[in-house]
Amino acid sequence: MADSSGSNPQSPGFTEKLKSWLYWSWTYICTLWFAMVLTMVYVLRSPLKLQETVNAASVFLNTLTPKFYVALTGTSSLISGLILIFEWWYFRKYGTSFIEQVSVSHLRPLLGGVENSSSAGLFSSVNGDTEPRTNVAECKVWRNPLNLFRGAEYSRYTWVTGKEPLTYYDMNLSAQDHQTFFLGDTQQLRPEDSVMQKAWRERNPQARIRAAYQAIELNRECAAAYVLLAEEEATTITEAERLFKQALKSAGKDTNLVVYIKRRLAMCARKLGRIKEAVKMMRDLMKEFPLLGMLNIHENLLEALLELQAYADVQAVLAKYDDISLPKSATICYTSALLKARAVSDKFSPEAASRRGLSTAEMNAVEAIHRAVEFNPHVPKYLLEMKSLILPPEHILKRGDSEAVAYAFFHLQHWKRAEGALNLLHCTWEGTFRIIPYPLEKGHLFYPYPGCTETADRELLPSFHEVSVYPKKELPFFILFTAGLCSFCAMLAMLTHQFPELMGVFVKARLLCRFISALASLTILSLASTKALANLIP
């Protein structure tokens, strides 16, 4: 049974001949079909009463006044205009066309539509099952290693501006992180742990704080409760540091709590100006827990070393973590570019470079900038202050706008400190897009840029921030179509109002054109069916 396809060696040749014959004969079939339709119309002209139908239509059209046509075209223009406004608003908010989304989501399954086999084959798994183009790993959300303190920083922003810097989605991810990281095995929860488990899930900050105090009443040594108070109740970094030290005394041998608290204590020292102390704490933490590289503590270390202007130490950290086998980040790529740009940027001149060409060091710097921009193309606009910065979210999407905001928020000052670095970035960053293949079927130095970043960034970043989108999306077809339809109907309404007699003649002529178009449509439909039959033959 399985071998039946190979038992007839003539079948592949026969199908190929049949397919080529269909392709070769479709032009002749077109002519024959068109001639048959004309002949049938001529033969049936009397039974179909075509002449009487045309005359009746002409009489009906003659009885219509120009006001009717003005009202008709005006109403069509109004309706298409409303559709255009809604489509444009939906596209600006969600990045896609509403009509296209409904068609793909609801109508295609009803019509039995499937994805193009050629595109599906590019993303098939080992066992042959097709997978969606956007890999889940591409849209993985990471904890921001330099996230701010809610009580001492995010809340102060809310008090001043009245805007919420964090989205509910972002805070919900943090709650899940804390439950997983601090509570561990849910089978052996103590009473205070059960209280803290509920506390992390509370949406109201005051409810979380009250629950933390309740947990402390149950156990004065509840480290997780002190962590929550340090994060959310403390209104200054000094107060947060005091609470974290209290939490560290109560943490005992809980590795997750100890690592989290020591890291936040190092960040407190960094924010309070004790940078050398912060660097020592981060180095000790990385030595004590070398297997926790996924927490990206080295990114905190890089930022602190840049503040000390210890560029040799920065290069040493990059030599360890900027490895082809390790995951990249905007901090890694752009810090590497900053060090190479700093070596040549103070003497760099675009005019001189265009005359004599780039030196080896300048070429290395430019290539490093291109590499960084390819990894995250959103960063340069923030570093060059072409877009306004906001407070970074608690979670970021690598290669997305959220990561760009987080990186630029902490590292813009380091680029400004390196004389000429921003000028070199300004002169060279857009050249990256001439290197990356378009339309991004494959990357140059990295994997192709994922198409899911816009959706995830809109969930992570507040609504008052204009999300940076790459690559820029072209306007959907239905927006262009409704814009053209609205303009065309408005033009018809105006012409009918100004030239009623001329437009009456035009409408009569259109009746004949529609009849001819109907015949042509039947012909094209039959040709399409013939071609589809040829394509169905394997």
Protein backbone atom coordinates (compact mmCIF):
# COMPACT_ATOMS: atom_id res chain seq x y z
CA MET A 1 0.00 0.00 0.00
CA ALA A 2 2.78 2.38 0.96
CA ASP A 3 4.65 1.42 -2.16
CA SER A 4 1.81 2.07 -4.58
CA SER A 5 3.17 5.45 -5.61
CA GLY A 6 6.39 3.89 -6.78
CA SER A 7 4.67 1.07 -8.71
CA ASN A 8 3.66 3.42 -11.52
CA PRO A 9 6.79 5.17 -12.78
CA GLN A 10 4.85 6.78 -15.63
CA SER A 11 2.50 8.76 -13.34
CA PRO A 12 4.88 11.67 -12.53
CA GLY A 13 5.62 12.20 -16.23
CA PHE A 14 1.94 12.07 -17.11
CA THR A 15 0.95 14.65 -14.48
CA GLU A 16 3.76 16.98 -15.58
CA LYS A 17 2.59 16.73 -19.18
CA LEU A 18 -1.01 17.36 -18.17
CA LYS A 19 0.02 20.38 -16.11
CA SER A 20 2.15 21.88 -18.89
CA TRP A 21 -0.68 21.28 -21.37
CA LEU A 22 -3.13 23.15 -19.15
CA TYR A 23 -0.72 26.09 -18.80
CA TRP A 24 -0.11 26.13 -22.57
CA SER A 25 -3.77 25.92 -23.53
CA TRP A 26 -5.30 28.39 -21.09
CA THR A 27 -4.98 31.32 -23.54
CA TYR A 28 -6.85 29.37 -26.19
CA ILE A 29 -9.48 28.33 -23.65
CA CYS A 30 -9.91 32.03 -22.79
CA THR A 31 -10.61 32.97 -26.40
CA LEU A 32 -12.95 30.02 -26.91
CA TRP A 33 -14.90 30.77 -23.74
CA PHE A 34 -15.31 34.45 -24.60
CA ALA A 35 -16.59 33.54 -28.06
CA MET A 36 -19.05 31.03 -26.59
CA VAL A 37 -20.42 33.63 -24.15
CA LEU A 38 -20.95 36.18 -26.97
CA THR A 39 -22.63 33.54 -29.12
CA MET A 40 -24.93 32.49 -26.27
CA VAL A 41 -25.92 36.09 -25.58
CA TYR A 42 -26.67 36.65 -29.28
CA VAL A 43 -28.72 33.47 -29.57
CA LEU A 44 -30.72 34.14 -26.40
CA ARG A 45 -31.23 37.84 -27.03
CA SER A 46 -34.95 37.33 -27.70
CA PRO A 47 -35.85 34.97 -24.80
CA LEU A 48 -33.84 37.13 -22.39
CA LYS A 49 -35.49 40.32 -23.71
CA LEU A 50 -32.21 42.18 -23.55
CA GLN A 51 -33.42 45.12 -25.64
CA GLU A 52 -36.51 45.62 -23.46
CA THR A 53 -34.38 45.39 -20.32
CA VAL A 54 -31.96 48.03 -21.59
CA ASN A 55 -34.84 50.33 -22.58
CA ALA A 56 -36.55 49.91 -19.20
CA ALA A 57 -33.29 50.71 -17.41
CA SER A 58 -32.84 53.82 -19.56
CA VAL A 59 -36.38 55.03 -18.75
CA PHE A 60 -35.79 54.46 -15.04
CA LEU A 61 -32.49 56.35 -15.08
CA ASN A 62 -34.09 59.25 -16.99
CA THR A 63 -36.72 59.64 -14.26
CA LEU A 64 -34.06 60.06 -11.55
CA THR A 65 -33.15 63.66 -10.77
CA PRO A 66 -29.57 64.90 -10.18
CA LYS A 67 -30.43 65.36 -6.50
CA PHE A 68 -30.78 61.60 -6.18
CA TYR A 69 -27.26 61.03 -7.50
CA VAL A 70 -25.87 63.77 -5.25
CA ALA A 71 -27.51 62.14 -2.23
CA LEU A 72 -26.34 58.68 -3.29
CA THR A 73 -22.70 59.64 -3.84
CA GLY A 74 -22.69 61.89 -0.78
CA THR A 75 -23.97 59.10 1.45
CA SER A 76 -21.39 56.70 0.01
CA SER A 77 -18.66 59.24 0.68
CA LEU A 78 -19.83 59.71 4.28
CA ILE A 79 -19.97 55.98 5.03
CA SER A 80 -16.57 55.29 3.49
CA GLY A 81 -15.16 58.28 5.39
CA LEU A 82 -16.42 56.88 8.71
CA ILE A 83 -14.88 53.50 7.85
CA LEU A 84 -11.61 55.25 7.00
CA ILE A 85 -11.54 57.09 10.34
CA PHE A 86 -12.23 53.89 12.28
CA GLU A 87 -9.60 51.91 10.31
CA TRP A 88 -6.99 54.62 10.87
CA TRP A 89 -7.71 54.76 14.63
CA TYR A 90 -7.56 50.96 14.91
CA PHE A 91 -4.29 50.85 12.96
CA ARG A 92 -2.69 53.54 15.17
CA LYS A 93 -3.79 51.76 18.34
CA TYR A 94 -3.21 48.12 17.47
CA GLY A 95 -0.88 48.23 14.46
CA THR A 96 -3.15 46.27 12.12
CA SER A 97 -6.25 46.70 9.97
CA PHE A 98 -9.54 45.75 11.64
CA ILE A 99 -11.05 44.46 8.38
CA GLU A 100 -7.98 42.37 7.61
CA GLN A 101 -7.88 41.01 11.15
CA VAL A 102 -11.52 39.98 11.04
CA SER A 103 -11.01 38.41 7.61
CA VAL A 104 -8.02 36.37 8.76
CA SER A 105 -9.45 35.40 12.16
CA HIS A 106 -13.06 34.60 11.26
CA LEU A 107 -13.67 34.38 7.54
CA ARG A 108 -10.65 32.33 6.48
CA PRO A 109 -11.54 29.32 8.69
CA LEU A 110 -15.12 29.44 7.42
CA LEU A 111 -13.89 29.40 3.85
CA GLY A 112 -11.44 26.61 4.57
CA GLY A 113 -8.42 28.83 3.97
CA VAL A 114 -4.97 27.72 5.06
CA GLU A 115 -1.55 29.31 5.16
CA ASN A 116 0.53 29.32 2.03
CA SER A 117 2.42 26.08 1.89
CA SER A 118 5.58 27.77 0.68
CA SER A 119 5.77 30.00 3.72
CA ALA A 120 4.71 27.27 6.10
CA GLY A 121 7.53 25.07 4.90
CA LEU A 122 10.09 27.59 6.07
CA PHE A 123 9.04 27.13 9.68
CA SER A 124 8.36 23.45 10.09
CA SER A 125 9.56 21.38 12.99
CA VAL A 126 11.65 18.26 12.81
CA ASN A 127 8.66 15.95 12.82
CA GLY A 128 7.08 17.83 9.94
CA ASP A 129 4.43 19.76 11.87
CA THR A 130 4.24 23.38 10.84
CA GLU A 131 4.88 26.00 13.48
CA PRO A 132 3.83 29.66 13.51
CA ARG A 133 6.32 32.10 12.05
CA THR A 134 6.84 33.96 15.33
CA ASN A 135 8.63 31.75 17.78
CA VAL A 136 7.50 31.95 21.39
CA ALA A 137 11.13 32.35 22.50
CA GLU A 138 11.45 35.48 20.38
CA CYS A 139 8.82 37.21 22.52
CA LYS A 140 10.12 36.11 25.91
CA VAL A 141 9.88 38.89 28.48
CA TRP A 142 12.85 39.38 30.82
CA ARG A 143 13.15 41.00 34.23
CA ASN A 144 14.78 44.42 33.88
CA PRO A 145 18.09 44.05 35.78
CA LEU A 146 18.11 47.78 36.63
CA ASN A 147 14.44 48.18 37.51
CA LEU A 148 13.59 51.08 39.78
CA PHE A 149 12.04 51.05 43.25
CA ARG A 150 8.26 51.43 43.28
CA GLY A 151 7.92 53.46 46.45
CA ALA A 152 11.05 55.63 46.15
CA GLU A 153 10.99 56.23 42.38
CA TYR A 154 7.91 55.08 40.45
CA SER A 155 5.45 56.42 43.04
CA ARG A 156 7.19 59.79 43.18
CA TYR A 157 6.75 60.08 39.43
CA THR A 158 3.02 59.38 39.86
CA TRP A 159 2.74 62.01 42.62
CA VAL A 160 4.33 64.67 40.39
CA THR A 161 2.75 63.89 37.01
CA GLY A 162 -0.44 62.01 37.90
CA LYS A 163 0.54 59.30 35.38
CA GLU A 164 1.08 55.62 36.08
CA PRO A 165 4.54 54.58 34.78
CA LEU A 166 3.84 50.85 35.11
CA THR A 167 1.19 48.84 33.30
CA TYR A 168 -0.94 46.21 35.02
CA TYR A 169 0.61 43.55 32.77
CA ASP A 170 4.10 44.55 33.90
CA MET A 171 3.18 44.57 37.60
CA ASN A 172 1.39 41.23 37.25
CA LEU A 173 4.59 39.71 35.82
CA SER A 174 6.51 41.08 38.82
CA ALA A 175 3.96 39.52 41.19
CA GLN A 176 4.45 36.16 39.50
CA ASP A 177 8.23 36.56 39.73
CA HIS A 178 8.08 37.30 43.45
CA GLN A 179 5.78 34.39 44.21
CA THR A 180 8.02 31.98 42.30
CA PHE A 181 11.30 33.42 43.52
CA PHE A 182 10.51 33.93 47.22
CA LEU A 183 7.91 31.32 48.15
CA GLY A 184 9.34 28.31 46.31
CA ASP A 185 7.64 25.06 47.33
CA THR A 186 3.96 25.77 47.96
CA GLN A 187 3.54 22.43 49.76
CA GLN A 188 5.43 23.67 52.84
CA LEU A 189 4.11 27.21 53.25
CA ARG A 190 4.20 28.77 56.70
CA PRO A 191 1.29 31.04 57.77
CA GLU A 192 3.28 34.18 56.96
CA ASP A 193 4.16 32.73 53.54
CA SER A 194 0.48 32.24 52.75
CA VAL A 195 -0.14 35.88 53.65
CA MET A 196 2.73 37.03 51.42
CA GLN A 197 1.48 34.84 48.59
CA LYS A 198 -1.77 36.79 48.67
CA ALA A 199 0.09 40.06 49.16
CA TRP A 200 2.03 39.76 45.91
CA ARG A 201 -1.24 39.19 44.02
CA GLU A 202 -2.98 42.29 45.41
CA ARG A 203 -3.53 45.04 42.84
CA ASN A 204 -3.83 47.83 45.43
CA PRO A 205 -0.41 48.95 46.78
CA GLN A 206 -1.86 49.78 50.21
CA ALA A 207 -3.39 46.31 50.43
CA ARG A 208 0.02 44.78 49.68
CA ILE A 209 1.67 46.89 52.39
CA ARG A 210 -1.01 45.97 54.97
CA ALA A 211 -0.53 42.28 54.12
CA ALA A 212 3.25 42.66 54.62
CA TYR A 213 2.71 44.07 58.11
CA GLN A 214 0.30 41.24 58.84
CA ALA A 215 3.01 38.73 57.85
CA ILE A 216 5.51 40.49 60.16
CA GLU A 217 3.02 40.21 63.04
CA LEU A 218 2.91 36.45 62.42
CA ASN A 219 6.70 36.21 62.20
CA ARG A 220 9.12 39.04 62.96
CA GLU A 221 11.71 37.29 60.78
CA CYS A 222 9.64 37.27 57.56
CA ALA A 223 12.24 38.48 55.08
CA ALA A 224 9.83 38.60 52.11
CA ALA A 225 7.63 41.08 54.00
CA TYR A 226 10.57 43.43 54.57
CA VAL A 227 11.43 43.13 50.87
CA LEU A 228 7.90 44.21 49.92
CA LEU A 229 8.05 47.17 52.33
CA ALA A 230 11.45 48.20 50.96
CA GLU A 231 10.17 48.04 47.40
CA GLU A 232 6.79 49.71 47.88
CA GLU A 233 6.46 51.61 51.16
CA ALA A 234 9.90 53.23 51.43
CA THR A 235 9.74 56.71 49.89
CA THR A 236 13.54 57.22 49.81
CA ILE A 237 16.47 55.05 48.77
CA THR A 238 17.97 55.41 52.25
CA GLU A 239 14.82 54.01 53.85
CA ALA A 240 14.68 51.19 51.27
CA GLU A 241 18.30 50.31 52.06
CA ARG A 242 17.51 50.10 55.80
CA LEU A 243 14.60 47.72 55.16
CA PHE A 244 16.68 45.56 52.80
CA LYS A 245 19.37 45.21 55.49
CA GLN A 246 16.67 44.10 57.92
CA ALA A 247 15.45 41.58 55.33
CA LEU A 248 19.00 40.27 54.82
CA LYS A 249 19.30 39.51 58.54
CA SER A 250 16.07 37.49 58.36
CA ALA A 251 16.78 35.72 55.07
CA GLY A 252 18.87 32.95 56.59
CA LYS A 253 20.01 30.41 54.01
CA ASP A 254 17.29 31.12 51.47
CA THR A 255 19.47 31.54 48.36
CA ASN A 256 16.85 33.27 46.25
CA LEU A 257 16.12 35.86 48.92
CA VAL A 258 19.80 36.45 49.67
CA VAL A 259 20.69 37.02 46.01
CA TYR A 260 17.74 39.35 45.44
CA ILE A 261 18.39 41.40 48.60
CA LYS A 262 22.15 41.73 48.05
CA ARG A 263 21.57 42.86 44.51
CA ARG A 264 19.06 45.51 45.60
CA LEU A 265 21.45 46.65 48.35
CA ALA A 266 24.15 47.08 45.71
CA MET A 267 21.72 49.13 43.62
CA CYS A 268 20.91 51.27 46.66
CA ALA A 269 24.61 51.94 47.17
CA ARG A 270 24.93 52.87 43.50
CA LYS A 271 22.02 55.31 43.69
CA LEU A 272 23.39 56.87 46.91
CA GLY A 273 26.76 57.57 45.29
CA ARG A 274 28.76 54.79 46.95
CA ILE A 275 29.73 53.36 43.59
CA LYS A 276 32.92 51.53 44.57
CA GLU A 277 31.03 49.79 47.35
CA ALA A 278 28.31 48.84 44.87
CA VAL A 279 30.89 47.41 42.43
CA LYS A 280 32.46 45.31 45.21
CA MET A 281 29.06 43.97 46.27
CA MET A 282 28.18 43.01 42.70
CA ARG A 283 31.52 41.30 42.12
CA ASP A 284 31.19 39.35 45.38
CA LEU A 285 27.65 38.34 44.45
CA MET A 286 28.76 37.05 41.04
CA LYS A 287 31.60 35.06 42.64
CA GLU A 288 29.38 33.62 45.36
CA PHE A 289 26.60 32.57 42.98
CA PRO A 290 28.23 31.99 39.55
CA LEU A 291 25.35 29.83 38.30
CA LEU A 292 22.83 32.68 38.51
CA GLY A 293 24.02 34.37 35.32
CA MET A 294 20.42 34.41 34.08
CA LEU A 295 19.79 37.27 36.53
CA ASN A 296 22.12 39.45 34.43
CA ILE A 297 23.92 40.96 37.42
CA HIS A 298 26.80 41.77 35.07
CA GLU A 299 24.60 44.45 33.48
CA ASN A 300 24.36 46.21 36.84
CA LEU A 301 28.14 45.88 37.15
CA LEU A 302 28.75 47.34 33.69
CA GLU A 303 26.66 50.41 34.43
CA ALA A 304 28.45 51.03 37.75
CA LEU A 305 31.89 50.62 36.15
CA LEU A 306 30.95 53.08 33.40
CA GLU A 307 29.98 55.57 36.09
CA LEU A 308 33.47 55.12 37.59
CA GLN A 309 34.90 55.50 34.06
CA ALA A 310 36.80 52.25 34.68
CA TYR A 311 36.84 51.39 30.98
CA ALA A 312 39.50 48.67 31.30
CA ASP A 313 37.30 46.83 33.82
CA VAL A 314 34.30 47.31 31.53
CA GLN A 315 36.26 45.71 28.68
CA ALA A 316 37.18 42.79 30.94
CA VAL A 317 33.51 42.16 31.79
CA LEU A 318 32.57 42.38 28.10
CA ALA A 319 35.30 39.89 27.20
CA LYS A 320 33.56 37.38 29.45
CA TYR A 321 29.92 38.05 28.59
CA ASP A 322 30.02 39.28 24.99
CA ASP A 323 30.50 35.74 23.78
CA ILE A 324 28.86 34.14 20.75
CA SER A 325 27.47 31.32 22.91
CA LEU A 326 25.76 33.69 25.39
CA PRO A 327 22.52 35.61 24.85
CA LYS A 328 22.98 39.24 23.87
CA SER A 329 21.34 42.38 25.17
CA ALA A 330 21.30 46.06 24.31
CA THR A 331 23.62 46.71 27.27
CA ILE A 332 26.23 44.29 25.94
CA CYS A 333 26.08 45.45 22.32
CA TYR A 334 25.89 49.19 22.91
CA THR A 335 28.52 49.18 25.68
CA SER A 336 30.89 47.41 23.31
CA ALA A 337 30.09 50.03 20.66
CA LEU A 338 30.64 52.85 23.19
CA LEU A 339 34.13 51.62 24.10
CA LYS A 340 35.19 51.38 20.45
CA ALA A 341 33.58 54.72 19.59
CA ARG A 342 35.24 56.41 22.56
CA ALA A 343 38.68 55.49 21.18
CA VAL A 344 38.17 57.51 17.97
CA SER A 345 35.18 59.80 18.50
CA ASP A 346 37.07 62.80 19.95
CA LYS A 347 38.90 63.32 16.62
CA PHE A 348 36.23 61.99 14.26
CA SER A 349 35.02 64.28 11.48
CA PRO A 350 32.55 63.17 8.79
CA GLU A 351 34.13 65.50 6.23
CA ALA A 352 37.65 64.24 6.90
CA ALA A 353 36.47 60.61 6.87
CA SER A 354 34.76 61.10 3.49
CA ARG A 355 37.98 62.51 2.01
CA ARG A 356 40.57 60.06 3.37
CA GLY A 357 38.33 57.11 4.24
CA LEU A 358 37.95 55.39 7.59
CA SER A 359 40.92 54.19 9.59
CA THR A 360 40.98 50.69 11.03
CA ALA A 361 39.94 51.90 14.49
CA GLU A 362 37.12 54.02 13.01
CA MET A 363 35.95 51.09 10.90
CA ASN A 364 35.85 48.89 14.02
CA ALA A 365 33.80 51.53 15.83
CA VAL A 366 31.36 51.89 12.95
CA GLU A 367 30.95 48.10 12.66
CA ALA A 368 30.31 47.90 16.42
CA ILE A 369 27.60 50.58 16.10
CA HIS A 370 26.02 48.74 13.17
CA ARG A 371 26.04 45.54 15.20
CA ALA A 372 24.36 47.24 18.15
CA VAL A 373 21.75 48.95 15.96
CA GLU A 374 20.91 45.67 14.24
CA PHE A 375 20.33 44.04 17.61
CA ASN A 376 18.08 46.85 18.85
CA PRO A 377 17.23 49.59 16.29
CA HIS A 378 15.15 51.61 18.79
CA VAL A 379 18.04 52.75 21.02
CA PRO A 380 19.70 55.46 18.85
CA LYS A 381 16.65 57.74 18.82
CA TYR A 382 16.69 57.82 22.62
CA LEU A 383 20.45 58.32 22.85
CA LEU A 384 20.29 61.13 20.27
CA GLU A 385 17.27 62.57 22.11
CA MET A 386 15.07 62.32 19.04
CA LYS A 387 12.46 60.65 21.27
CA SER A 388 11.61 61.54 24.85
CA LEU A 389 12.51 59.08 27.59
CA ILE A 390 10.14 57.68 30.20
CA LEU A 391 10.78 55.62 33.32
CA PRO A 392 11.83 52.10 32.33
CA PRO A 393 9.42 49.21 32.95
CA GLU A 394 10.09 46.38 35.39
CA HIS A 395 10.23 43.91 32.48
CA ILE A 396 11.74 44.30 29.04
CA LEU A 397 11.57 42.56 25.71
CA LYS A 398 14.98 42.06 24.18
CA ARG A 399 15.38 43.92 20.87
CA GLY A 400 12.16 45.81 21.65
CA ASP A 401 11.32 49.39 22.52
CA SER A 402 11.03 48.51 26.22
CA GLU A 403 14.67 47.37 26.29
CA ALA A 404 15.70 50.53 24.42
CA VAL A 405 13.97 52.73 27.00
CA ALA A 406 15.61 50.83 29.88
CA TYR A 407 19.09 51.01 28.33
CA ALA A 408 18.96 54.69 27.36
CA PHE A 409 17.51 55.72 30.73
CA PHE A 410 20.65 54.54 32.55
CA HIS A 411 23.34 54.82 29.85
CA LEU A 412 22.62 58.11 28.08
CA GLN A 413 24.86 59.91 30.57
CA HIS A 414 27.77 57.57 29.75
CA TRP A 415 27.46 58.30 26.01
CA LYS A 416 27.37 62.03 26.71
CA ARG A 417 30.50 61.75 28.85
CA ALA A 418 32.50 60.22 25.96
CA GLU A 419 33.40 63.20 23.80
CA GLY A 420 32.14 62.84 20.22
CA ALA A 421 30.55 59.41 20.79
CA LEU A 422 27.02 60.65 20.11
CA ASN A 423 28.24 62.52 17.03
CA LEU A 424 29.75 59.31 15.65
CA LEU A 425 26.53 57.46 16.44
CA HIS A 426 24.50 60.18 14.71
CA CYS A 427 26.63 59.96 11.55
CA THR A 428 26.67 56.18 11.21
CA TRP A 429 23.67 54.47 12.84
CA GLU A 430 21.28 54.75 9.89
CA GLY A 431 23.81 52.97 7.65
CA THR A 432 22.88 49.76 9.45
CA PHE A 433 19.61 49.51 7.53
CA ARG A 434 21.48 49.36 4.21
CA ILE A 435 23.21 46.21 5.45
CA ILE A 436 20.19 44.35 6.82
CA PRO A 437 18.35 42.43 4.07
CA TYR A 438 14.88 43.73 3.27
CA PRO A 439 12.19 42.68 3.95
CA LEU A 440 14.18 41.09 6.78
CA GLU A 441 13.94 37.48 5.63
CA LYS A 442 17.31 36.95 7.30
CA GLY A 443 19.49 38.94 9.62
CA HIS A 444 23.04 40.11 9.01
CA LEU A 445 24.76 39.42 12.35
CA PHE A 446 21.74 38.26 14.36
CA TYR A 447 18.56 36.31 13.76
CA PRO A 448 15.84 38.11 11.78
CA TYR A 449 14.15 40.83 13.76
CA PRO A 450 11.05 39.29 15.42
CA GLY A 451 7.66 40.58 14.38
CA CYS A 452 6.07 40.27 17.82
CA THR A 453 7.91 43.10 19.60
CA GLU A 454 5.29 45.79 18.98
CA THR A 455 2.47 43.86 20.65
CA ALA A 456 4.56 42.93 23.68
CA ASP A 457 5.97 46.45 24.06
CA ARG A 458 2.47 47.93 24.03
CA GLU A 459 1.67 45.67 27.00
CA LEU A 460 4.83 46.62 28.89
CA LEU A 461 4.96 50.36 28.23
CA PRO A 462 2.39 52.93 29.48
CA SER A 463 -0.28 54.18 27.10
CA PHE A 464 1.04 57.76 27.08
CA HIS A 465 4.29 56.57 25.50
CA GLU A 466 4.46 56.33 21.71
CA VAL A 467 5.86 52.87 21.06
CA SER A 468 8.72 52.73 18.58
CA VAL A 469 7.98 50.25 15.77
CA TYR A 470 10.54 48.53 13.55
CA PRO A 471 10.32 47.97 10.68
CA LYS A 472 7.84 50.72 9.91
CA LYS A 473 4.57 49.16 8.81
CA GLU A 474 3.04 50.16 5.53
CA LEU A 475 -0.55 51.35 5.57
CA PRO A 476 -2.95 48.40 5.23
CA PHE A 477 -4.72 47.95 1.91
CA PHE A 478 -8.18 48.65 3.36
CA ILE A 479 -7.13 52.07 4.67
CA LEU A 480 -5.89 53.04 1.22
CA PHE A 481 -8.99 51.50 -0.38
CA THR A 482 -11.46 53.34 1.87
CA ALA A 483 -9.52 56.59 1.41
CA GLY A 484 -9.75 56.22 -2.37
CA LEU A 485 -13.41 55.24 -2.21
CA CYS A 486 -14.26 58.20 0.01
CA SER A 487 -12.43 60.63 -2.28
CA PHE A 488 -13.99 59.13 -5.42
CA CYS A 489 -17.55 59.28 -4.05
CA ALA A 490 -17.05 62.86 -2.86
CA MET A 491 -15.76 63.83 -6.30
CA LEU A 492 -18.77 62.19 -7.97
CA ALA A 493 -21.15 64.04 -5.64
CA MET A 494 -19.50 67.37 -6.45
CA LEU A 495 -19.51 66.73 -10.23
CA THR A 496 -23.16 65.61 -10.16
CA HIS A 497 -24.14 68.77 -8.33
CA GLN A 498 -22.21 71.04 -10.71
CA PHE A 499 -22.83 69.23 -14.03
CA PRO A 500 -26.11 67.25 -13.72
CA GLU A 501 -26.72 66.74 -17.48
CA LEU A 502 -23.19 65.61 -18.24
CA MET A 503 -23.26 63.16 -15.33
CA GLY A 504 -26.61 61.80 -16.57
CA VAL A 505 -24.99 60.89 -19.88
CA PHE A 506 -22.10 59.36 -17.97
CA VAL A 507 -24.45 57.15 -15.92
CA LYS A 508 -26.16 55.87 -19.08
CA ALA A 509 -22.79 55.02 -20.58
CA ARG A 510 -21.87 53.19 -17.39
CA LEU A 511 -24.83 50.84 -17.83
CA LEU A 512 -23.33 49.48 -21.04
CA CYS A 513 -19.88 49.30 -19.44
CA ARG A 514 -21.26 47.23 -16.57
CA PHE A 515 -22.76 44.75 -18.98
CA ILE A 516 -19.44 44.33 -20.75
CA SER A 517 -17.64 44.10 -17.37
CA ALA A 518 -19.98 41.29 -16.32
CA LEU A 519 -19.01 39.30 -19.39
CA ALA A 520 -15.34 39.96 -18.76
CA SER A 521 -15.72 38.89 -15.12
CA LEU A 522 -17.25 35.59 -16.16
CA THR A 523 -14.36 35.03 -18.51
CA ILE A 524 -11.73 35.84 -15.89
CA LEU A 525 -13.48 33.59 -13.36
CA SER A 526 -13.41 30.67 -15.72
CA LEU A 527 -9.73 31.27 -16.46
CA ALA A 528 -8.94 31.41 -12.76
CA SER A 529 -10.74 28.10 -12.27
CA THR A 530 -8.71 26.54 -15.07
CA LYS A 531 -5.45 27.80 -13.58
CA ALA A 532 -6.43 26.62 -10.11
CA LEU A 533 -7.13 23.17 -11.55
CA ALA A 534 -3.64 23.13 -12.97
CA ASN A 535 -2.13 24.14 -9.63
CA LEU A 536 -4.04 21.42 -7.79
CA ILE A 537 -2.36 18.72 -9.85
CA PRO A 538 0.65 17.54 -7.77
